[in-house]
Amino acid sequence: MPQDEVGLWTQSNKMANVADTQYRGLAGMGGRSSLTTNAWDPSESSVAQQQFESSATDIYRQFTQPPGHLSYRNKAERRKIHRIVYGEALRENGGHVDLDAIEAEAADLLERDPAQAERFFGNRIVYGAGHYIDGDVWDSRADVRDVPDGTAIVLGFDGSDVDDWTGIRAETADGYQFTPTFGPDVTPTIWDPAKFGGQVPRLEVAAAVDELMDRFKVVRFYGDPPGWASELDSWVERYGEKVVLRWATYRTVQMHAANERLLTDVTKADSSFGHDGCPVTAIHVRNTRKAPRPGQRYVLAKASQTQKIDLTVCSVLAHEAAGDATAAGLFNVAPAAENLIYTASSTRLRR
């Protein structure tokens, strides 16, 4: 069954309910659906977005996106974007789409609604005003590399229980951020409660923390306490109060400053910040909005209730921990050397 422009099928216009009804009917008949759409508005949680972000493994996704460094507002770069996303459909490639006609429509719409123009003609998932970090800018910082065991790192932890996700992000001294893995299956430190019977597996999270503390030299661990106070207390007792710190994200002044630190280091031209391209984190970053607070400050908020942002919070905490650890000189602390006394006749170890 074909379903067209599902990027416009939302709960508000009742089309999401239509889609669910059709899927139930198809399941009963052993049928399948074929969805087509332009890029969607991520603040609307459309059928297109839900299906694209679904963890189901039997969904085939074809979504050509242009490089993040190309600006849609620049005419020459916009033409490059159109060539990439229209590809074989262009008349110059034997198809039916005229590149000049697309440019004329895109330029006209760009003056009235830039976000819509970029979604419909540039095939980009574009967020409106109020987004925290531009998703394309975040993606452009991806630079995958290995982080060997024993490396000095910091960790940022944001925990939930039955609704939001739980995650851990790490960062090295030189500003490389990544989602670490743990266990025999090399599992990313991301827990969606829906995949665990509706509740985050706390013992598994604790096992991951223990493994990371053992494998790496963790100099700082910032954890958001609500809902995880007992676990944080146990980690403080085990690894020390100078390593594990309770970092409450509900503090507006401190959270605003931490948000701004990450935002600045992601977007400034000469920044050394990079990351692992974690796809879940990329989605969460794109879901994140700035929610205004008094004093010209803001906190982080979801674009909609179903759009999770927990890995963004982990990234903020990890980057804040990295900055504080750098300022305190923690990355430069060498292991304590054995105290040796040299004499004319022998070398003796004094304990």
C-alpha atoms as a PDB file:
ATOM      1  CA  MET A   1       0.000   0.000   0.000  1.00  0.00           C
ATOM      2  CA  PRO A   2       1.516   3.384  -0.979  1.00  0.00           C
ATOM      3  CA  GLN A   3       1.482   6.231   1.538  1.00  0.00           C
ATOM      4  CA  ASP A   4       2.619   9.578   0.143  1.00  0.00           C
ATOM      5  CA  GLU A   5       3.991  12.641   1.956  1.00  0.00           C
ATOM      6  CA  VAL A   6       3.954  10.920   5.333  1.00  0.00           C
ATOM      7  CA  GLY A   7       6.131  13.757   6.615  1.00  0.00           C
ATOM      8  CA  LEU A   8       2.826  15.654   6.841  1.00  0.00           C
ATOM      9  CA  TRP A   9       0.946  12.828   8.604  1.00  0.00           C
ATOM     10  CA  THR A  10       0.818  13.846  12.274  1.00  0.00           C
ATOM     11  CA  GLN A  11      -1.287  13.371  15.380  1.00  0.00           C
ATOM     12  CA  SER A  12      -2.668  16.896  15.096  1.00  0.00           C
ATOM     13  CA  ASN A  13      -4.241  16.291  11.672  1.00  0.00           C
ATOM     14  CA  LYS A  14      -5.312  12.732  12.628  1.00  0.00           C
ATOM     15  CA  MET A  15      -3.274  11.154   9.829  1.00  0.00           C
ATOM     16  CA  ALA A  16      -1.046   9.280  12.274  1.00  0.00           C
ATOM     17  CA  ASN A  17      -4.148   7.398  13.389  1.00  0.00           C
ATOM     18  CA  VAL A  18      -4.962   6.643   9.747  1.00  0.00           C
ATOM     19  CA  ALA A  19      -1.484   5.194   9.271  1.00  0.00           C
ATOM     20  CA  ASP A  20      -1.807   2.960  12.335  1.00  0.00           C
ATOM     21  CA  THR A  21      -5.167   1.701  11.100  1.00  0.00           C
ATOM     22  CA  GLN A  22      -3.733   0.918   7.678  1.00  0.00           C
ATOM     23  CA  TYR A  23      -0.735  -0.893   9.185  1.00  0.00           C
ATOM     24  CA  ARG A  24      -3.019  -3.104  11.261  1.00  0.00           C
ATOM     25  CA  GLY A  25      -5.018  -3.969   8.148  1.00  0.00           C
ATOM     26  CA  LEU A  26      -1.877  -4.754   6.176  1.00  0.00           C
ATOM     27  CA  ALA A  27      -0.586  -6.989   8.962  1.00  0.00           C
ATOM     28  CA  GLY A  28      -3.806  -8.991   8.873  1.00  0.00           C
ATOM     29  CA  MET A  29      -3.458  -9.558   5.127  1.00  0.00           C
ATOM     30  CA  GLY A  30       0.293 -10.158   5.101  1.00  0.00           C
ATOM     31  CA  GLY A  31       0.810  -6.909   3.191  1.00  0.00           C
ATOM     32  CA  ARG A  32       3.437  -4.175   3.300  1.00  0.00           C
ATOM     33  CA  SER A  33       3.425  -0.405   2.955  1.00  0.00           C
ATOM     34  CA  SER A  34       5.613   1.894   0.859  1.00  0.00           C
ATOM     35  CA  LEU A  35       6.154   5.372   2.287  1.00  0.00           C
ATOM     36  CA  THR A  36       7.334   8.392   0.297  1.00  0.00           C
ATOM     37  CA  THR A  37       7.941  11.873   1.613  1.00  0.00           C
ATOM     38  CA  ASN A  38      10.023  15.001   1.549  1.00  0.00           C
ATOM     39  CA  ALA A  39      12.112  15.738   4.648  1.00  0.00           C
ATOM     40  CA  TRP A  40       9.885  16.264   7.676  1.00  0.00           C
ATOM     41  CA  ASP A  41       9.602  18.917  10.338  1.00  0.00           C
ATOM     42  CA  PRO A  42      11.107  17.169  13.402  1.00  0.00           C
ATOM     43  CA  SER A  43       8.965  19.172  15.827  1.00  0.00           C
ATOM     44  CA  GLU A  44       5.814  17.434  14.566  1.00  0.00           C
ATOM     45  CA  SER A  45       6.710  13.770  15.221  1.00  0.00           C
ATOM     46  CA  SER A  46       5.227  12.733  11.885  1.00  0.00           C
ATOM     47  CA  VAL A  47       4.695   9.201  10.608  1.00  0.00           C
ATOM     48  CA  ALA A  48       7.802   9.662   8.434  1.00  0.00           C
ATOM     49  CA  GLN A  49       9.950  10.567  11.413  1.00  0.00           C
ATOM     50  CA  GLN A  50       8.574   7.766  13.573  1.00  0.00           C
ATOM     51  CA  GLN A  51       9.242   5.164  10.897  1.00  0.00           C
ATOM     52  CA  PHE A  52      12.700   6.546  10.080  1.00  0.00           C
ATOM     53  CA  GLU A  53      13.766   6.552  13.754  1.00  0.00           C
ATOM     54  CA  SER A  54      12.121   3.217  14.545  1.00  0.00           C
ATOM     55  CA  SER A  55      14.374   0.455  15.878  1.00  0.00           C
ATOM     56  CA  ALA A  56      12.562  -2.117  13.694  1.00  0.00           C
ATOM     57  CA  THR A  57      14.985  -4.007  11.475  1.00  0.00           C
ATOM     58  CA  ASP A  58      12.528  -4.822   8.669  1.00  0.00           C
ATOM     59  CA  ILE A  59      12.201  -1.236   7.416  1.00  0.00           C
ATOM     60  CA  TYR A  60      14.173  -0.285   4.309  1.00  0.00           C
ATOM     61  CA  ARG A  61      15.171   3.386   4.420  1.00  0.00           C
ATOM     62  CA  GLN A  62      16.413   5.410   1.457  1.00  0.00           C
ATOM     63  CA  PHE A  63      17.237   8.967   2.457  1.00  0.00           C
ATOM     64  CA  THR A  64      19.822  10.871   0.415  1.00  0.00           C
ATOM     65  CA  GLN A  65      21.150  13.865   2.312  1.00  0.00           C
ATOM     66  CA  PRO A  66      23.701  16.428   1.116  1.00  0.00           C
ATOM     67  CA  PRO A  67      26.947  17.167   3.009  1.00  0.00           C
ATOM     68  CA  GLY A  68      26.393  19.281   6.110  1.00  0.00           C
ATOM     69  CA  HIS A  69      28.971  21.913   5.143  1.00  0.00           C
ATOM     70  CA  LEU A  70      26.954  23.076   2.110  1.00  0.00           C
ATOM     71  CA  SER A  71      24.809  26.135   2.864  1.00  0.00           C
ATOM     72  CA  TYR A  72      21.312  26.167   1.433  1.00  0.00           C
ATOM     73  CA  ARG A  73      21.249  29.973   1.510  1.00  0.00           C
ATOM     74  CA  ASN A  74      24.245  30.167  -0.832  1.00  0.00           C
ATOM     75  CA  LYS A  75      22.993  29.906  -4.436  1.00  0.00           C
ATOM     76  CA  ALA A  76      26.008  28.027  -5.798  1.00  0.00           C
ATOM     77  CA  GLU A  77      26.025  25.572  -2.899  1.00  0.00           C
ATOM     78  CA  ARG A  78      22.251  25.215  -3.117  1.00  0.00           C
ATOM     79  CA  ARG A  79      22.635  24.067  -6.723  1.00  0.00           C
ATOM     80  CA  LYS A  80      25.148  21.443  -5.579  1.00  0.00           C
ATOM     81  CA  ILE A  81      22.648  20.275  -2.967  1.00  0.00           C
ATOM     82  CA  HIS A  82      19.902  19.934  -5.595  1.00  0.00           C
ATOM     83  CA  ARG A  83      22.204  17.915  -7.862  1.00  0.00           C
ATOM     84  CA  ILE A  84      22.936  15.517  -5.012  1.00  0.00           C
ATOM     85  CA  VAL A  85      19.400  14.962  -3.752  1.00  0.00           C
ATOM     86  CA  TYR A  86      17.653  14.809  -7.154  1.00  0.00           C
ATOM     87  CA  GLY A  87      20.419  12.732  -8.728  1.00  0.00           C
ATOM     88  CA  GLU A  88      19.202  10.530 -11.585  1.00  0.00           C
ATOM     89  CA  ALA A  89      15.824  12.287 -11.628  1.00  0.00           C
ATOM     90  CA  LEU A  90      17.424  15.429 -13.126  1.00  0.00           C
ATOM     91  CA  ARG A  91      16.879  16.083 -16.811  1.00  0.00           C
ATOM     92  CA  GLU A  92      20.623  16.467 -17.325  1.00  0.00           C
ATOM     93  CA  ASN A  93      20.938  12.868 -16.113  1.00  0.00           C
ATOM     94  CA  GLY A  94      18.145  11.552 -18.287  1.00  0.00           C
ATOM     95  CA  GLY A  95      15.328  12.182 -15.808  1.00  0.00           C
ATOM     96  CA  HIS A  96      12.341  14.516 -15.771  1.00  0.00           C
ATOM     97  CA  VAL A  97      13.299  17.198 -13.195  1.00  0.00           C
ATOM     98  CA  ASP A  98      14.550  20.561 -14.460  1.00  0.00           C
ATOM     99  CA  LEU A  99      17.287  21.965 -12.218  1.00  0.00           C
ATOM    100  CA  ASP A 100      16.507  25.602 -13.107  1.00  0.00           C
ATOM    101  CA  ALA A 101      12.811  25.146 -12.315  1.00  0.00           C
ATOM    102  CA  ILE A 102      13.672  23.665  -8.908  1.00  0.00           C
ATOM    103  CA  GLU A 103      16.021  26.582  -8.229  1.00  0.00           C
ATOM    104  CA  ALA A 104      13.339  29.139  -9.112  1.00  0.00           C
ATOM    105  CA  GLU A 105      10.772  27.574  -6.763  1.00  0.00           C
ATOM    106  CA  ALA A 106      13.314  27.065  -3.987  1.00  0.00           C
ATOM    107  CA  ALA A 107      14.565  30.664  -4.173  1.00  0.00           C
ATOM    108  CA  ASP A 108      11.003  31.991  -4.005  1.00  0.00           C
ATOM    109  CA  LEU A 109      10.064  29.838  -1.017  1.00  0.00           C
ATOM    110  CA  LEU A 110      13.379  30.615   0.680  1.00  0.00           C
ATOM    111  CA  GLU A 111      12.335  34.260   1.047  1.00  0.00           C
ATOM    112  CA  ARG A 112       9.072  33.320   2.786  1.00  0.00           C
ATOM    113  CA  ASP A 113       9.866  30.117   4.672  1.00  0.00           C
ATOM    114  CA  PRO A 114      13.558  29.104   4.643  1.00  0.00           C
ATOM    115  CA  ALA A 115      13.029  25.972   6.721  1.00  0.00           C
ATOM    116  CA  GLN A 116      10.300  24.663   4.433  1.00  0.00           C
ATOM    117  CA  ALA A 117      12.380  25.380   1.332  1.00  0.00           C
ATOM    118  CA  GLU A 118      15.332  23.453   2.711  1.00  0.00           C
ATOM    119  CA  ARG A 119      13.144  20.534   3.760  1.00  0.00           C
ATOM    120  CA  PHE A 120      11.194  20.194   0.529  1.00  0.00           C
ATOM    121  CA  PHE A 121      13.887  20.987  -2.034  1.00  0.00           C
ATOM    122  CA  GLY A 122      17.115  20.323  -0.112  1.00  0.00           C
ATOM    123  CA  ASN A 123      15.895  17.113   1.554  1.00  0.00           C
ATOM    124  CA  ARG A 124      17.249  18.220   4.901  1.00  0.00           C
ATOM    125  CA  ILE A 125      15.641  17.770   8.306  1.00  0.00           C
ATOM    126  CA  VAL A 126      15.580  21.414   9.352  1.00  0.00           C
ATOM    127  CA  TYR A 127      14.600  22.714  12.752  1.00  0.00           C
ATOM    128  CA  GLY A 128      12.960  26.049  13.280  1.00  0.00           C
ATOM    129  CA  ALA A 129      13.947  28.838  15.618  1.00  0.00           C
ATOM    130  CA  GLY A 130      14.929  27.752  19.085  1.00  0.00           C
ATOM    131  CA  HIS A 131      17.001  24.682  18.199  1.00  0.00           C
ATOM    132  CA  TYR A 132      19.989  24.113  20.456  1.00  0.00           C
ATOM    133  CA  ILE A 133      22.704  22.957  18.038  1.00  0.00           C
ATOM    134  CA  ASP A 134      22.260  22.885  14.282  1.00  0.00           C
ATOM    135  CA  GLY A 135      22.163  19.207  13.370  1.00  0.00           C
ATOM    136  CA  ASP A 136      24.278  19.653  10.254  1.00  0.00           C
ATOM    137  CA  VAL A 137      26.959  21.509  12.220  1.00  0.00           C
ATOM    138  CA  TRP A 138      26.987  18.709  14.789  1.00  0.00           C
ATOM    139  CA  ASP A 139      27.294  16.092  12.042  1.00  0.00           C
ATOM    140  CA  SER A 140      30.186  17.983  10.461  1.00  0.00           C
ATOM    141  CA  ARG A 141      32.222  17.480  13.669  1.00  0.00           C
ATOM    142  CA  ALA A 142      32.174  13.679  13.271  1.00  0.00           C
ATOM    143  CA  ASP A 143      35.704  12.246  13.063  1.00  0.00           C
ATOM    144  CA  VAL A 144      35.649   8.594  14.102  1.00  0.00           C
ATOM    145  CA  ARG A 145      38.716   7.232  15.850  1.00  0.00           C
ATOM    146  CA  ASP A 146      39.662   4.607  18.421  1.00  0.00           C
ATOM    147  CA  VAL A 147      40.172   5.507  22.078  1.00  0.00           C
ATOM    148  CA  PRO A 148      42.522   2.897  23.605  1.00  0.00           C
ATOM    149  CA  ASP A 149      41.899   1.410  27.020  1.00  0.00           C
ATOM    150  CA  GLY A 150      43.838   3.300  29.686  1.00  0.00           C
ATOM    151  CA  THR A 151      43.166   6.708  28.106  1.00  0.00           C
ATOM    152  CA  ALA A 152      42.316   9.517  30.524  1.00  0.00           C
ATOM    153  CA  ILE A 153      38.674  10.465  29.979  1.00  0.00           C
ATOM    154  CA  VAL A 154      35.653  12.042  31.648  1.00  0.00           C
ATOM    155  CA  LEU A 155      32.102  10.676  31.670  1.00  0.00           C
ATOM    156  CA  GLY A 156      28.716  12.376  31.491  1.00  0.00           C
ATOM    157  CA  PHE A 157      25.715  10.405  32.777  1.00  0.00           C
ATOM    158  CA  ASP A 158      21.987  11.161  32.488  1.00  0.00           C
ATOM    159  CA  GLY A 159      19.641   8.566  33.945  1.00  0.00           C
ATOM    160  CA  SER A 160      15.947   7.838  33.693  1.00  0.00           C
ATOM    161  CA  ASP A 161      13.732   4.885  34.561  1.00  0.00           C
ATOM    162  CA  VAL A 162      10.602   4.197  32.514  1.00  0.00           C
ATOM    163  CA  ASP A 163      10.180   7.000  29.946  1.00  0.00           C
ATOM    164  CA  ASP A 164      13.318   8.887  28.944  1.00  0.00           C
ATOM    165  CA  TRP A 165      16.539   7.127  28.015  1.00  0.00           C
ATOM    166  CA  THR A 166      19.665   6.578  30.080  1.00  0.00           C
ATOM    167  CA  GLY A 167      23.088   7.142  28.595  1.00  0.00           C
ATOM    168  CA  ILE A 168      26.789   7.746  29.135  1.00  0.00           C
ATOM    169  CA  ARG A 169      29.048   9.870  26.919  1.00  0.00           C
ATOM    170  CA  ALA A 170      32.812  10.170  27.298  1.00  0.00           C
ATOM    171  CA  GLU A 171      35.359  12.799  26.297  1.00  0.00           C
ATOM    172  CA  THR A 172      39.145  12.826  26.037  1.00  0.00           C
ATOM    173  CA  ALA A 173      41.567  15.586  26.991  1.00  0.00           C
ATOM    174  CA  ASP A 174      41.799  16.812  23.390  1.00  0.00           C
ATOM    175  CA  GLY A 175      38.037  17.252  22.997  1.00  0.00           C
ATOM    176  CA  TYR A 176      37.022  13.988  21.313  1.00  0.00           C
ATOM    177  CA  GLN A 177      33.611  12.852  22.520  1.00  0.00           C
ATOM    178  CA  PHE A 178      32.218   9.361  22.074  1.00  0.00           C
ATOM    179  CA  THR A 179      29.657   6.840  23.280  1.00  0.00           C
ATOM    180  CA  PRO A 180      31.697   4.115  24.989  1.00  0.00           C
ATOM    181  CA  THR A 181      30.810   0.439  24.776  1.00  0.00           C
ATOM    182  CA  PHE A 182      30.766  -2.333  27.356  1.00  0.00           C
ATOM    183  CA  GLY A 183      30.248  -6.036  27.840  1.00  0.00           C
ATOM    184  CA  PRO A 184      31.029  -9.060  25.671  1.00  0.00           C
ATOM    185  CA  ASP A 185      28.774  -7.801  22.882  1.00  0.00           C
ATOM    186  CA  VAL A 186      30.479  -4.353  22.802  1.00  0.00           C
ATOM    187  CA  THR A 187      27.159  -2.632  23.505  1.00  0.00           C
ATOM    188  CA  PRO A 188      26.875   1.189  23.386  1.00  0.00           C
ATOM    189  CA  THR A 189      26.099   2.791  26.742  1.00  0.00           C
ATOM    190  CA  ILE A 190      22.575   3.797  25.708  1.00  0.00           C
ATOM    191  CA  TRP A 191      19.461   2.313  27.284  1.00  0.00           C
ATOM    192  CA  ASP A 192      15.966   2.764  25.834  1.00  0.00           C
ATOM    193  CA  PRO A 193      13.539   1.467  28.499  1.00  0.00           C
ATOM    194  CA  ALA A 194      11.172   0.245  25.769  1.00  0.00           C
ATOM    195  CA  LYS A 195      13.763  -2.372  24.838  1.00  0.00           C
ATOM    196  CA  PHE A 196      13.939  -3.689  28.407  1.00  0.00           C
ATOM    197  CA  GLY A 197      10.319  -4.330  29.235  1.00  0.00           C
ATOM    198  CA  GLY A 198       9.602  -0.674  29.980  1.00  0.00           C
ATOM    199  CA  GLN A 199      12.303  -0.044  32.591  1.00  0.00           C
ATOM    200  CA  VAL A 200      15.994   0.780  32.356  1.00  0.00           C
ATOM    201  CA  PRO A 201      18.118  -2.196  33.576  1.00  0.00           C
ATOM    202  CA  ARG A 202      19.926  -0.540  36.481  1.00  0.00           C
ATOM    203  CA  LEU A 203      22.225  -3.478  37.175  1.00  0.00           C
ATOM    204  CA  GLU A 204      23.385  -3.386  33.559  1.00  0.00           C
ATOM    205  CA  VAL A 205      24.047   0.349  33.812  1.00  0.00           C
ATOM    206  CA  ALA A 206      26.051  -0.265  36.999  1.00  0.00           C
ATOM    207  CA  ALA A 207      28.029  -3.007  35.260  1.00  0.00           C
ATOM    208  CA  ALA A 208      28.821  -0.605  32.395  1.00  0.00           C
ATOM    209  CA  VAL A 209      30.040   2.073  34.817  1.00  0.00           C
ATOM    210  CA  ASP A 210      32.261  -0.441  36.608  1.00  0.00           C
ATOM    211  CA  GLU A 211      33.772  -1.611  33.324  1.00  0.00           C
ATOM    212  CA  LEU A 212      34.466   1.919  32.093  1.00  0.00           C
ATOM    213  CA  MET A 213      36.090   2.839  35.405  1.00  0.00           C
ATOM    214  CA  ASP A 214      38.313  -0.228  35.092  1.00  0.00           C
ATOM    215  CA  ARG A 215      39.199   0.121  31.399  1.00  0.00           C
ATOM    216  CA  PHE A 216      39.890   3.850  31.312  1.00  0.00           C
ATOM    217  CA  LYS A 217      41.472   6.403  33.607  1.00  0.00           C
ATOM    218  CA  VAL A 218      38.294   8.298  34.494  1.00  0.00           C
ATOM    219  CA  VAL A 219      39.299  11.632  36.029  1.00  0.00           C
ATOM    220  CA  ARG A 220      35.765  13.063  36.325  1.00  0.00           C
ATOM    221  CA  PHE A 221      32.264  11.594  36.225  1.00  0.00           C
ATOM    222  CA  TYR A 222      29.315  14.025  36.208  1.00  0.00           C
ATOM    223  CA  GLY A 223      25.941  12.426  36.891  1.00  0.00           C
ATOM    224  CA  ASP A 224      22.477  13.976  37.070  1.00  0.00           C
ATOM    225  CA  PRO A 225      21.105  12.759  40.450  1.00  0.00           C
ATOM    226  CA  PRO A 226      17.263  12.669  40.127  1.00  0.00           C
ATOM    227  CA  GLY A 227      16.124   9.054  40.152  1.00  0.00           C
ATOM    228  CA  TRP A 228      19.682   7.736  40.476  1.00  0.00           C
ATOM    229  CA  ALA A 229      20.741   9.118  43.859  1.00  0.00           C
ATOM    230  CA  SER A 230      21.432   5.697  45.388  1.00  0.00           C
ATOM    231  CA  GLU A 231      23.533   4.576  42.432  1.00  0.00           C
ATOM    232  CA  LEU A 232      25.514   7.820  42.453  1.00  0.00           C
ATOM    233  CA  ASP A 233      26.100   7.457  46.199  1.00  0.00           C
ATOM    234  CA  SER A 234      27.491   3.967  45.645  1.00  0.00           C
ATOM    235  CA  TRP A 235      29.761   5.193  42.834  1.00  0.00           C
ATOM    236  CA  VAL A 236      30.990   8.061  45.017  1.00  0.00           C
ATOM    237  CA  GLU A 237      31.822   5.575  47.761  1.00  0.00           C
ATOM    238  CA  ARG A 238      33.569   3.208  45.364  1.00  0.00           C
ATOM    239  CA  TYR A 239      35.491   5.630  43.143  1.00  0.00           C
ATOM    240  CA  GLY A 240      35.822   8.704  45.348  1.00  0.00           C
ATOM    241  CA  GLU A 241      34.066  12.020  45.754  1.00  0.00           C
ATOM    242  CA  LYS A 242      36.736  13.794  43.727  1.00  0.00           C
ATOM    243  CA  VAL A 243      35.994  11.600  40.705  1.00  0.00           C
ATOM    244  CA  VAL A 244      32.223  11.094  40.844  1.00  0.00           C
ATOM    245  CA  LEU A 245      30.242  14.304  41.285  1.00  0.00           C
ATOM    246  CA  ARG A 246      26.487  14.845  41.465  1.00  0.00           C
ATOM    247  CA  TRP A 247      25.764  17.423  38.751  1.00  0.00           C
ATOM    248  CA  ALA A 248      22.105  18.506  38.865  1.00  0.00           C
ATOM    249  CA  THR A 249      20.837  19.673  35.483  1.00  0.00           C
ATOM    250  CA  TYR A 250      17.815  21.454  37.006  1.00  0.00           C
ATOM    251  CA  ARG A 251      20.068  24.348  38.136  1.00  0.00           C
ATOM    252  CA  THR A 252      19.285  26.978  35.522  1.00  0.00           C
ATOM    253  CA  VAL A 253      22.396  29.140  35.885  1.00  0.00           C
ATOM    254  CA  GLN A 254      24.863  26.249  35.832  1.00  0.00           C
ATOM    255  CA  MET A 255      23.045  24.352  33.087  1.00  0.00           C
ATOM    256  CA  HIS A 256      22.849  27.423  30.864  1.00  0.00           C
ATOM    257  CA  ALA A 257      26.601  27.923  31.210  1.00  0.00           C
ATOM    258  CA  ALA A 258      27.298  24.261  30.453  1.00  0.00           C
ATOM    259  CA  ASN A 259      24.997  24.354  27.421  1.00  0.00           C
ATOM    260  CA  GLU A 260      26.779  27.419  26.122  1.00  0.00           C
ATOM    261  CA  ARG A 261      30.197  25.816  26.585  1.00  0.00           C
ATOM    262  CA  LEU A 262      29.277  22.857  24.348  1.00  0.00           C
ATOM    263  CA  LEU A 263      27.418  25.027  21.832  1.00  0.00           C
ATOM    264  CA  THR A 264      30.387  27.376  21.483  1.00  0.00           C
ATOM    265  CA  ASP A 265      32.947  24.599  21.089  1.00  0.00           C
ATOM    266  CA  VAL A 266      30.851  22.786  18.487  1.00  0.00           C
ATOM    267  CA  THR A 267      30.220  25.868  16.365  1.00  0.00           C
ATOM    268  CA  LYS A 268      33.382  28.021  16.579  1.00  0.00           C
ATOM    269  CA  ALA A 269      35.617  27.776  13.528  1.00  0.00           C
ATOM    270  CA  ASP A 270      38.903  26.960  15.269  1.00  0.00           C
ATOM    271  CA  SER A 271      37.512  24.421  17.733  1.00  0.00           C
ATOM    272  CA  SER A 272      39.261  21.088  18.248  1.00  0.00           C
ATOM    273  CA  PHE A 273      36.013  19.435  19.361  1.00  0.00           C
ATOM    274  CA  GLY A 274      35.087  16.253  17.514  1.00  0.00           C
ATOM    275  CA  HIS A 275      32.908  13.226  18.082  1.00  0.00           C
ATOM    276  CA  ASP A 276      32.232   9.660  17.026  1.00  0.00           C
ATOM    277  CA  GLY A 277      29.166  10.257  14.870  1.00  0.00           C
ATOM    278  CA  CYS A 278      26.959   8.244  17.245  1.00  0.00           C
ATOM    279  CA  PRO A 279      23.630   8.071  15.348  1.00  0.00           C
ATOM    280  CA  VAL A 280      21.461   8.110  18.485  1.00  0.00           C
ATOM    281  CA  THR A 281      23.256  11.173  19.837  1.00  0.00           C
ATOM    282  CA  ALA A 282      22.843  12.885  16.452  1.00  0.00           C
ATOM    283  CA  ILE A 283      19.069  12.350  16.596  1.00  0.00           C
ATOM    284  CA  HIS A 284      18.876  13.561  20.196  1.00  0.00           C
ATOM    285  CA  VAL A 285      20.884  16.689  19.327  1.00  0.00           C
ATOM    286  CA  ARG A 286      18.460  17.462  16.513  1.00  0.00           C
ATOM    287  CA  ASN A 287      15.527  16.946  18.890  1.00  0.00           C
ATOM    288  CA  THR A 288      16.863  19.449  21.428  1.00  0.00           C
ATOM    289  CA  ARG A 289      15.387  22.916  21.845  1.00  0.00           C
ATOM    290  CA  LYS A 290      16.264  25.944  23.949  1.00  0.00           C
ATOM    291  CA  ALA A 291      13.563  26.578  26.563  1.00  0.00           C
ATOM    292  CA  PRO A 292      13.837  30.222  27.754  1.00  0.00           C
ATOM    293  CA  ARG A 293      14.276  30.998  31.439  1.00  0.00           C
ATOM    294  CA  PRO A 294      14.502  34.318  33.342  1.00  0.00           C
ATOM    295  CA  GLY A 295      17.708  36.304  33.096  1.00  0.00           C
ATOM    296  CA  GLN A 296      18.169  35.631  29.359  1.00  0.00           C
ATOM    297  CA  ARG A 297      19.071  32.031  30.080  1.00  0.00           C
ATOM    298  CA  TYR A 298      17.717  28.736  28.768  1.00  0.00           C
ATOM    299  CA  VAL A 299      17.556  25.049  29.565  1.00  0.00           C
ATOM    300  CA  LEU A 300      17.253  22.118  27.183  1.00  0.00           C
ATOM    301  CA  ALA A 301      13.841  20.780  26.181  1.00  0.00           C
ATOM    302  CA  LYS A 302      12.304  18.279  23.766  1.00  0.00           C
ATOM    303  CA  ALA A 303      10.783  19.368  20.470  1.00  0.00           C
ATOM    304  CA  SER A 304       7.891  17.057  21.397  1.00  0.00           C
ATOM    305  CA  GLN A 305       7.215  14.508  24.120  1.00  0.00           C
ATOM    306  CA  THR A 306       8.226  11.556  21.960  1.00  0.00           C
ATOM    307  CA  GLN A 307      11.521  13.084  20.830  1.00  0.00           C
ATOM    308  CA  LYS A 308      14.262  12.165  23.291  1.00  0.00           C
ATOM    309  CA  ILE A 309      17.200  14.436  24.141  1.00  0.00           C
ATOM    310  CA  ASP A 310      18.980  12.439  26.852  1.00  0.00           C
ATOM    311  CA  LEU A 311      22.189  11.863  24.882  1.00  0.00           C
ATOM    312  CA  THR A 312      22.419  15.617  24.318  1.00  0.00           C
ATOM    313  CA  VAL A 313      22.364  16.080  28.091  1.00  0.00           C
ATOM    314  CA  CYS A 314      25.068  13.404  28.434  1.00  0.00           C
ATOM    315  CA  SER A 315      27.163  15.288  25.882  1.00  0.00           C
ATOM    316  CA  VAL A 316      26.737  18.563  27.769  1.00  0.00           C
ATOM    317  CA  LEU A 317      27.738  16.921  31.053  1.00  0.00           C
ATOM    318  CA  ALA A 318      30.740  15.165  29.511  1.00  0.00           C
ATOM    319  CA  HIS A 319      31.969  18.389  27.933  1.00  0.00           C
ATOM    320  CA  GLU A 320      31.480  20.321  31.157  1.00  0.00           C
ATOM    321  CA  ALA A 321      33.403  17.641  33.032  1.00  0.00           C
ATOM    322  CA  ALA A 322      36.198  17.804  30.437  1.00  0.00           C
ATOM    323  CA  GLY A 323      36.464  21.569  30.778  1.00  0.00           C
ATOM    324  CA  ASP A 324      36.535  21.426  34.554  1.00  0.00           C
ATOM    325  CA  ALA A 325      39.057  18.570  34.530  1.00  0.00           C
ATOM    326  CA  THR A 326      41.318  20.521  32.189  1.00  0.00           C
ATOM    327  CA  ALA A 327      41.111  23.617  34.392  1.00  0.00           C
ATOM    328  CA  ALA A 328      42.000  21.516  37.438  1.00  0.00           C
ATOM    329  CA  GLY A 329      44.929  19.880  35.644  1.00  0.00           C
ATOM    330  CA  LEU A 330      43.476  16.408  36.134  1.00  0.00           C
ATOM    331  CA  PHE A 331      44.382  15.185  32.667  1.00  0.00           C
ATOM    332  CA  ASN A 332      48.042  15.997  33.371  1.00  0.00           C
ATOM    333  CA  VAL A 333      48.379  14.125  36.650  1.00  0.00           C
ATOM    334  CA  ALA A 334      50.871  11.283  36.191  1.00  0.00           C
ATOM    335  CA  PRO A 335      50.647   8.084  38.244  1.00  0.00           C
ATOM    336  CA  ALA A 336      52.560   8.261  41.506  1.00  0.00           C
ATOM    337  CA  ALA A 337      56.099   7.034  40.964  1.00  0.00           C
ATOM    338  CA  GLU A 338      57.781   4.530  43.230  1.00  0.00           C
ATOM    339  CA  ASN A 339      60.111   6.269  45.677  1.00  0.00           C
ATOM    340  CA  LEU A 340      63.607   4.879  45.002  1.00  0.00           C
ATOM    341  CA  ILE A 341      66.761   5.488  47.019  1.00  0.00           C
ATOM    342  CA  TYR A 342      70.049   5.004  45.163  1.00  0.00           C
ATOM    343  CA  THR A 343      73.175   4.133  47.136  1.00  0.00           C
ATOM    344  CA  ALA A 344      76.711   3.304  46.125  1.00  0.00           C
ATOM    345  CA  SER A 345      76.234  -0.404  46.716  1.00  0.00           C
ATOM    346  CA  SER A 346      72.572  -1.128  45.907  1.00  0.00           C
ATOM    347  CA  THR A 347      69.184   0.149  44.892  1.00  0.00           C
ATOM    348  CA  ARG A 348      66.541  -0.147  47.568  1.00  0.00           C
ATOM    349  CA  LEU A 349      62.784   0.450  47.353  1.00  0.00           C
ATOM    350  CA  ARG A 350      61.479   2.460  50.318  1.00  0.00           C
ATOM    351  CA  ARG A 351      57.780   1.910  51.149  1.00  0.00           C
END
